Amino acid sequence: MLRYSVIIVTYNSARAIGPCLEALAHEDCEIVVVDNASQDQTVQRVEELVAWHDLRLLANDRNRGFAAAVNEGAREATGEVLLLLNPDAIAEPGAVTALMQFMDSTSAAAAGGALLEADGKPARGFAFRGLPTLAALLCETMLVNQLWPGNPINRQYRCLDADYSQPQQVEQPAGACIAITRAAWDKAGGFDEQFCPVWFEDVDLCKRLREAGGKIMYCPKARFHHRGAHSVSKLSFHDRQVFWYTNMLRYARKHFWRGHVRTLRAGIVAGMLLRSVAALLGARQVSLGETLAAYWAVVRDVH
């Protein structure tokens, strides 16, 4: 079996990183942890665990963003397969080995594991998805998916009708747990660091892998318990909105026709106006002022 390296990017991950690394203790792998200037005890926690495993820590003095940190870890890693793993993804015993054996047997360029919810069931709609189309992104931006989550476009995009118990070829495994051969990674040039600090870098990479003829698979036997939103939950509401929509539009500019980009931009603006009306009517996550300021920032940045 090919030698593999696990790359984990941390940011204020002190509570999560211990269980993540301990779950990898019996795996025959190299581990590279890249810390993006955590303000908590993440670095100290990793340093405590360095002695018992093939573990290296790269501690950045600033938050370079997820894509840049993964690229940094990939340059340090020596494995023939790179497993990108979030610090809140806890591998069941044998999960990593199962994923590596699966990649070897299927000759896949990349493969994702089964991400499980708290109840042990697959994270339907998240573990893997289709690559986003203009229609899928418009449904997301213009509140269609919130009001009608079972619409046909969303069901197809999020693969809601897929059989998650079966191995299958997919378009986009979640970046929380995706293995990529070194050859495919190098050919694609790794993550595009313009997707900063987070979101759509994994979607863009899968798009480029497929365009280069790479096969991407889903392995249900490689089971990982995933809490989700580990780092992004620490972002302010304003930053979550701006980063998500800015990188969505960046993805569109890179992969969509120019007319589709204009349509998506208009859809984002319309969606922000609809969300502003909803906030004024009382449907909001945070204070009215912060909500409207965040939506206005999105409109200003994408216009």
Protein backbone atom coordinates (compact mmCIF):
# COMPACT_ATOMS: atom_id res chain seq x y z
CA MET A 1 0.00 0.00 0.00
CA LEU A 2 1.19 3.53 -0.75
CA ARG A 3 2.68 5.59 2.06
CA TYR A 4 0.38 8.40 3.10
CA SER A 5 0.55 11.68 4.97
CA VAL A 6 -2.28 13.22 6.96
CA ILE A 7 -2.42 17.03 6.79
CA ILE A 8 -4.44 18.79 9.49
CA VAL A 9 -4.90 22.56 9.59
CA THR A 10 -5.72 23.99 13.02
CA TYR A 11 -7.05 27.32 14.17
CA ASN A 12 -8.05 27.60 17.83
CA SER A 13 -8.50 23.84 17.81
CA ALA A 14 -7.24 22.97 21.31
CA ARG A 15 -10.39 21.04 22.25
CA ALA A 16 -10.61 19.10 19.00
CA ILE A 17 -7.05 18.27 18.03
CA GLY A 18 -6.31 15.79 20.83
CA PRO A 19 -9.08 13.30 19.97
CA CYS A 20 -8.30 13.71 16.26
CA LEU A 21 -4.62 12.83 16.69
CA GLU A 22 -5.29 10.08 19.23
CA ALA A 23 -7.61 8.40 16.72
CA LEU A 24 -4.68 8.27 14.30
CA ALA A 25 -2.28 6.79 16.86
CA HIS A 26 -2.34 3.27 15.43
CA GLU A 27 -2.29 4.27 11.78
CA ASP A 28 0.98 3.80 9.91
CA CYS A 29 1.14 7.33 8.59
CA GLU A 30 2.99 10.61 8.73
CA ILE A 31 1.06 13.51 10.28
CA VAL A 32 1.69 17.17 9.50
CA VAL A 33 -0.20 19.73 11.59
CA VAL A 34 -0.23 23.30 10.27
CA ASP A 35 -1.42 25.84 12.81
CA ASN A 36 -2.75 29.16 11.56
CA ALA A 37 -1.72 31.35 14.50
CA SER A 38 -4.15 29.93 17.06
CA GLN A 39 -4.82 32.12 20.09
CA ASP A 40 -5.70 29.23 22.39
CA GLN A 41 -3.64 26.23 23.55
CA THR A 42 -3.64 24.39 20.21
CA VAL A 43 0.13 24.56 19.63
CA GLN A 44 0.90 23.45 23.17
CA ARG A 45 -1.54 20.56 22.87
CA VAL A 46 0.07 19.36 19.63
CA GLU A 47 3.56 19.73 21.07
CA GLU A 48 2.55 17.42 23.93
CA LEU A 49 1.70 14.72 21.39
CA VAL A 50 4.72 15.06 19.09
CA ALA A 51 6.80 12.47 20.93
CA TRP A 52 4.52 9.48 20.40
CA HIS A 53 3.96 9.65 16.68
CA ASP A 54 5.47 10.56 13.32
CA LEU A 55 4.13 14.07 13.82
CA ARG A 56 5.40 17.43 12.67
CA LEU A 57 4.06 20.84 13.61
CA LEU A 58 4.30 23.94 11.44
CA ALA A 59 3.25 26.97 13.46
CA ASN A 60 2.44 30.06 11.41
CA ASP A 61 2.74 33.52 12.91
CA ARG A 62 -0.45 34.64 11.13
CA ASN A 63 -3.61 33.09 9.78
CA ARG A 64 -2.69 32.32 6.18
CA GLY A 65 -6.07 30.80 5.34
CA PHE A 66 -6.98 27.16 4.87
CA ALA A 67 -5.76 26.73 1.28
CA ALA A 68 -2.31 28.24 1.92
CA ALA A 69 -1.89 26.20 5.11
CA VAL A 70 -2.73 22.94 3.34
CA ASN A 71 -0.30 23.78 0.55
CA GLU A 72 2.35 24.43 3.19
CA GLY A 73 1.66 21.06 4.79
CA ALA A 74 1.74 19.30 1.42
CA ARG A 75 5.20 20.71 0.70
CA GLU A 76 6.41 19.33 4.04
CA ALA A 77 4.73 15.93 3.67
CA THR A 78 6.52 12.97 2.11
CA GLY A 79 3.62 10.60 1.45
CA GLU A 80 2.48 9.34 -1.94
CA VAL A 81 -1.10 10.08 -0.86
CA LEU A 82 -2.19 13.19 1.05
CA LEU A 83 -5.18 12.92 3.39
CA LEU A 84 -6.62 16.33 4.21
CA LEU A 85 -8.43 16.02 7.51
CA ASN A 86 -10.20 18.59 9.66
CA PRO A 87 -9.27 18.59 13.36
CA ASP A 88 -12.89 17.83 14.29
CA ALA A 89 -13.00 14.68 12.11
CA ILE A 90 -12.38 11.64 14.32
CA ALA A 91 -11.41 8.46 12.50
CA GLU A 92 -12.92 5.16 13.56
CA PRO A 93 -10.33 2.36 13.98
CA GLY A 94 -9.04 1.33 10.57
CA ALA A 95 -10.79 4.16 8.72
CA VAL A 96 -7.65 5.69 7.25
CA THR A 97 -6.26 2.31 6.18
CA ALA A 98 -9.60 1.45 4.57
CA LEU A 99 -9.54 4.73 2.63
CA MET A 100 -5.98 4.16 1.42
CA GLN A 101 -6.70 0.57 0.35
CA PHE A 102 -9.81 1.76 -1.45
CA MET A 103 -7.85 4.39 -3.37
CA ASP A 104 -5.24 1.81 -4.33
CA SER A 105 -7.85 -0.68 -5.55
CA THR A 106 -9.87 1.85 -7.54
CA SER A 107 -6.95 3.85 -8.98
CA ALA A 108 -8.75 7.00 -7.86
CA ALA A 109 -7.06 10.38 -8.04
CA ALA A 110 -8.99 11.37 -4.91
CA ALA A 111 -11.47 9.85 -2.51
CA GLY A 112 -13.60 10.99 0.39
CA GLY A 113 -14.60 9.08 3.48
CA ALA A 114 -17.99 8.69 5.15
CA LEU A 115 -18.54 11.69 7.42
CA LEU A 116 -20.97 10.82 10.19
CA GLU A 117 -23.37 12.96 12.19
CA ALA A 118 -23.63 12.79 15.99
CA ASP A 119 -26.19 9.96 15.65
CA GLY A 120 -23.76 7.90 13.55
CA LYS A 121 -25.66 8.38 10.31
CA PRO A 122 -23.98 9.72 7.15
CA ALA A 123 -23.89 13.49 6.77
CA ARG A 124 -26.32 13.47 3.87
CA GLY A 125 -25.84 16.45 1.61
CA PHE A 126 -22.39 17.18 3.02
CA ALA A 127 -20.18 14.07 2.73
CA PHE A 128 -20.21 14.56 -1.04
CA ARG A 129 -22.01 16.78 -3.51
CA GLY A 130 -22.15 17.56 -7.17
CA LEU A 131 -20.06 20.39 -8.50
CA PRO A 132 -22.11 23.60 -8.25
CA THR A 133 -23.99 24.80 -11.30
CA LEU A 134 -25.39 28.27 -11.82
CA ALA A 135 -28.87 27.00 -10.96
CA ALA A 136 -27.63 25.35 -7.74
CA LEU A 137 -25.90 28.52 -6.57
CA LEU A 138 -28.90 30.70 -7.44
CA CYS A 139 -31.14 28.43 -5.38
CA GLU A 140 -28.72 28.87 -2.49
CA THR A 141 -28.33 32.63 -2.76
CA MET A 142 -31.99 33.51 -3.37
CA LEU A 143 -33.45 31.59 -0.42
CA VAL A 144 -35.02 28.86 -2.58
CA ASN A 145 -33.21 26.11 -0.66
CA GLN A 146 -34.18 27.61 2.68
CA LEU A 147 -37.85 27.81 1.73
CA TRP A 148 -37.96 24.59 -0.33
CA PRO A 149 -34.96 22.40 0.60
CA GLY A 150 -36.34 19.41 -1.29
CA ASN A 151 -36.43 21.17 -4.66
CA PRO A 152 -35.06 19.06 -7.55
CA ILE A 153 -32.00 21.24 -8.15
CA ASN A 154 -30.93 21.07 -4.52
CA ARG A 155 -31.61 17.34 -4.30
CA GLN A 156 -29.33 16.74 -7.26
CA TYR A 157 -26.62 19.17 -6.12
CA ARG A 158 -26.46 17.81 -2.56
CA CYS A 159 -26.93 14.19 -3.69
CA LEU A 160 -29.79 13.78 -1.22
CA ASP A 161 -31.08 10.64 -2.92
CA ALA A 162 -27.72 8.86 -3.08
CA ASP A 163 -27.10 5.55 -1.34
CA TYR A 164 -24.42 6.48 1.18
CA SER A 165 -23.77 2.84 2.05
CA GLN A 166 -22.29 2.11 -1.38
CA PRO A 167 -18.92 3.05 -2.89
CA GLN A 168 -19.41 5.28 -5.90
CA GLN A 169 -17.83 7.84 -8.15
CA VAL A 170 -18.61 11.38 -7.00
CA GLU A 171 -17.81 14.92 -8.06
CA GLN A 172 -16.93 16.67 -4.82
CA PRO A 173 -16.18 15.01 -1.47
CA ALA A 174 -16.16 17.35 1.52
CA GLY A 175 -12.82 18.99 2.15
CA ALA A 176 -13.09 17.89 5.79
CA CYS A 177 -11.85 14.45 4.73
CA ILE A 178 -10.41 13.94 1.27
CA ALA A 179 -7.42 11.89 0.14
CA ILE A 180 -5.51 12.86 -3.00
CA THR A 181 -2.60 11.14 -4.68
CA ARG A 182 0.58 13.17 -4.73
CA ALA A 183 0.68 12.87 -8.51
CA ALA A 184 -2.83 14.34 -8.89
CA TRP A 185 -2.12 17.03 -6.30
CA ASP A 186 1.08 18.14 -8.01
CA LYS A 187 -0.53 18.06 -11.46
CA ALA A 188 -3.36 20.30 -10.23
CA GLY A 189 -0.94 22.60 -8.43
CA GLY A 190 -2.61 22.10 -5.03
CA PHE A 191 -5.18 24.51 -3.65
CA ASP A 192 -5.72 27.92 -5.22
CA GLU A 193 -4.73 30.27 -2.40
CA GLN A 194 -6.93 33.03 -3.80
CA PHE A 195 -9.80 31.26 -2.03
CA CYS A 196 -8.96 32.91 1.27
CA PRO A 197 -9.41 32.43 4.14
CA VAL A 198 -11.91 29.58 3.63
CA TRP A 199 -14.58 28.07 1.35
CA PHE A 200 -14.67 26.84 -2.24
CA GLU A 201 -10.97 25.91 -2.38
CA ASP A 202 -11.92 22.22 -2.18
CA VAL A 203 -14.68 22.63 -4.77
CA ASP A 204 -12.26 24.32 -7.14
CA LEU A 205 -9.67 21.58 -6.68
CA CYS A 206 -12.20 18.82 -7.40
CA LYS A 207 -13.33 20.70 -10.50
CA ARG A 208 -9.75 20.86 -11.77
CA LEU A 209 -9.04 17.22 -10.90
CA ARG A 210 -12.04 16.08 -12.92
CA GLU A 211 -11.17 18.34 -15.85
CA ALA A 212 -7.74 16.68 -15.89
CA GLY A 213 -9.39 13.26 -16.14
CA GLY A 214 -9.00 12.25 -12.50
CA LYS A 215 -11.50 9.86 -10.93
CA ILE A 216 -12.95 10.89 -7.55
CA MET A 217 -14.56 8.24 -5.35
CA TYR A 218 -16.53 7.85 -2.12
CA CYS A 219 -15.54 5.13 0.37
CA PRO A 220 -18.30 4.25 2.89
CA LYS A 221 -16.04 1.94 4.90
CA ALA A 222 -13.75 4.82 5.84
CA ARG A 223 -15.85 6.25 8.68
CA PHE A 224 -15.11 9.56 10.40
CA HIS A 225 -17.21 11.23 13.08
CA HIS A 226 -17.43 14.91 12.19
CA ARG A 227 -18.74 17.68 14.38
CA GLY A 228 -18.59 20.28 11.61
CA ALA A 229 -18.11 24.06 11.43
CA HIS A 230 -15.20 23.75 13.84
CA SER A 231 -13.28 26.85 12.76
CA VAL A 232 -15.84 28.78 10.76
CA SER A 233 -18.19 28.86 13.75
CA LYS A 234 -15.64 31.16 15.38
CA LEU A 235 -16.01 33.72 12.59
CA SER A 236 -18.32 36.66 13.05
CA PHE A 237 -21.62 36.63 11.18
CA HIS A 238 -20.28 39.47 9.01
CA ASP A 239 -17.14 37.56 8.03
CA ARG A 240 -19.03 34.33 7.30
CA GLN A 241 -21.28 36.13 4.86
CA VAL A 242 -18.49 38.05 3.13
CA PHE A 243 -16.08 35.10 2.84
CA TRP A 244 -18.76 32.68 1.60
CA TYR A 245 -20.20 34.89 -1.13
CA THR A 246 -16.88 36.41 -2.19
CA ASN A 247 -15.35 32.96 -2.74
CA MET A 248 -18.52 31.69 -4.39
CA LEU A 249 -18.20 34.50 -6.93
CA ARG A 250 -14.48 33.83 -7.29
CA TYR A 251 -15.28 30.21 -8.15
CA ALA A 252 -17.84 31.37 -10.70
CA ARG A 253 -15.40 33.77 -12.34
CA LYS A 254 -12.92 30.95 -12.68
CA HIS A 255 -15.26 28.26 -14.03
CA PHE A 256 -18.46 29.85 -15.39
CA TRP A 257 -19.17 31.80 -18.54
CA ARG A 258 -19.12 35.57 -18.18
CA GLY A 259 -22.89 35.85 -18.61
CA HIS A 260 -23.41 33.28 -15.87
CA VAL A 261 -21.14 35.27 -13.57
CA ARG A 262 -23.25 38.37 -14.13
CA THR A 263 -26.41 36.37 -13.43
CA LEU A 264 -24.96 34.96 -10.22
CA ARG A 265 -23.84 38.40 -9.08
CA ALA A 266 -27.37 39.70 -9.63
CA GLY A 267 -28.73 36.68 -7.75
CA ILE A 268 -26.46 37.37 -4.79
CA VAL A 269 -27.57 41.00 -4.64
CA ALA A 270 -31.23 39.98 -4.89
CA GLY A 271 -30.72 37.37 -2.20
CA MET A 272 -29.14 39.90 0.14
CA LEU A 273 -32.11 42.22 -0.38
CA LEU A 274 -34.51 39.38 0.42
CA ARG A 275 -32.51 38.52 3.53
CA SER A 276 -32.56 42.18 4.59
CA VAL A 277 -36.36 42.25 4.32
CA ALA A 278 -36.54 39.02 6.33
CA ALA A 279 -34.25 40.53 8.98
CA LEU A 280 -36.47 43.61 9.24
CA LEU A 281 -39.43 41.29 9.78
CA GLY A 282 -37.62 39.58 12.63
CA ALA A 283 -36.08 36.51 10.91
CA ARG A 284 -32.42 37.01 11.84
CA GLN A 285 -29.59 35.15 13.53
CA VAL A 286 -27.92 38.13 15.21
CA SER A 287 -28.76 41.76 15.92
CA LEU A 288 -30.54 43.68 13.19
CA GLY A 289 -27.66 46.14 12.82
CA GLU A 290 -25.04 43.42 12.40
CA THR A 291 -27.25 41.48 10.02
CA LEU A 292 -27.92 44.41 7.72
CA ALA A 293 -24.27 45.52 7.85
CA ALA A 294 -23.15 42.04 6.78
CA TYR A 295 -25.62 41.87 3.90
CA TRP A 296 -24.68 45.35 2.72
CA ALA A 297 -20.98 44.38 2.79
CA VAL A 298 -21.77 41.41 0.52
CA VAL A 299 -23.68 43.63 -1.93
CA ARG A 300 -20.87 46.18 -1.96
CA ASP A 301 -18.12 43.59 -2.49
CA VAL A 302 -19.79 41.59 -5.28
CA HIS A 303 -21.26 44.50 -7.19
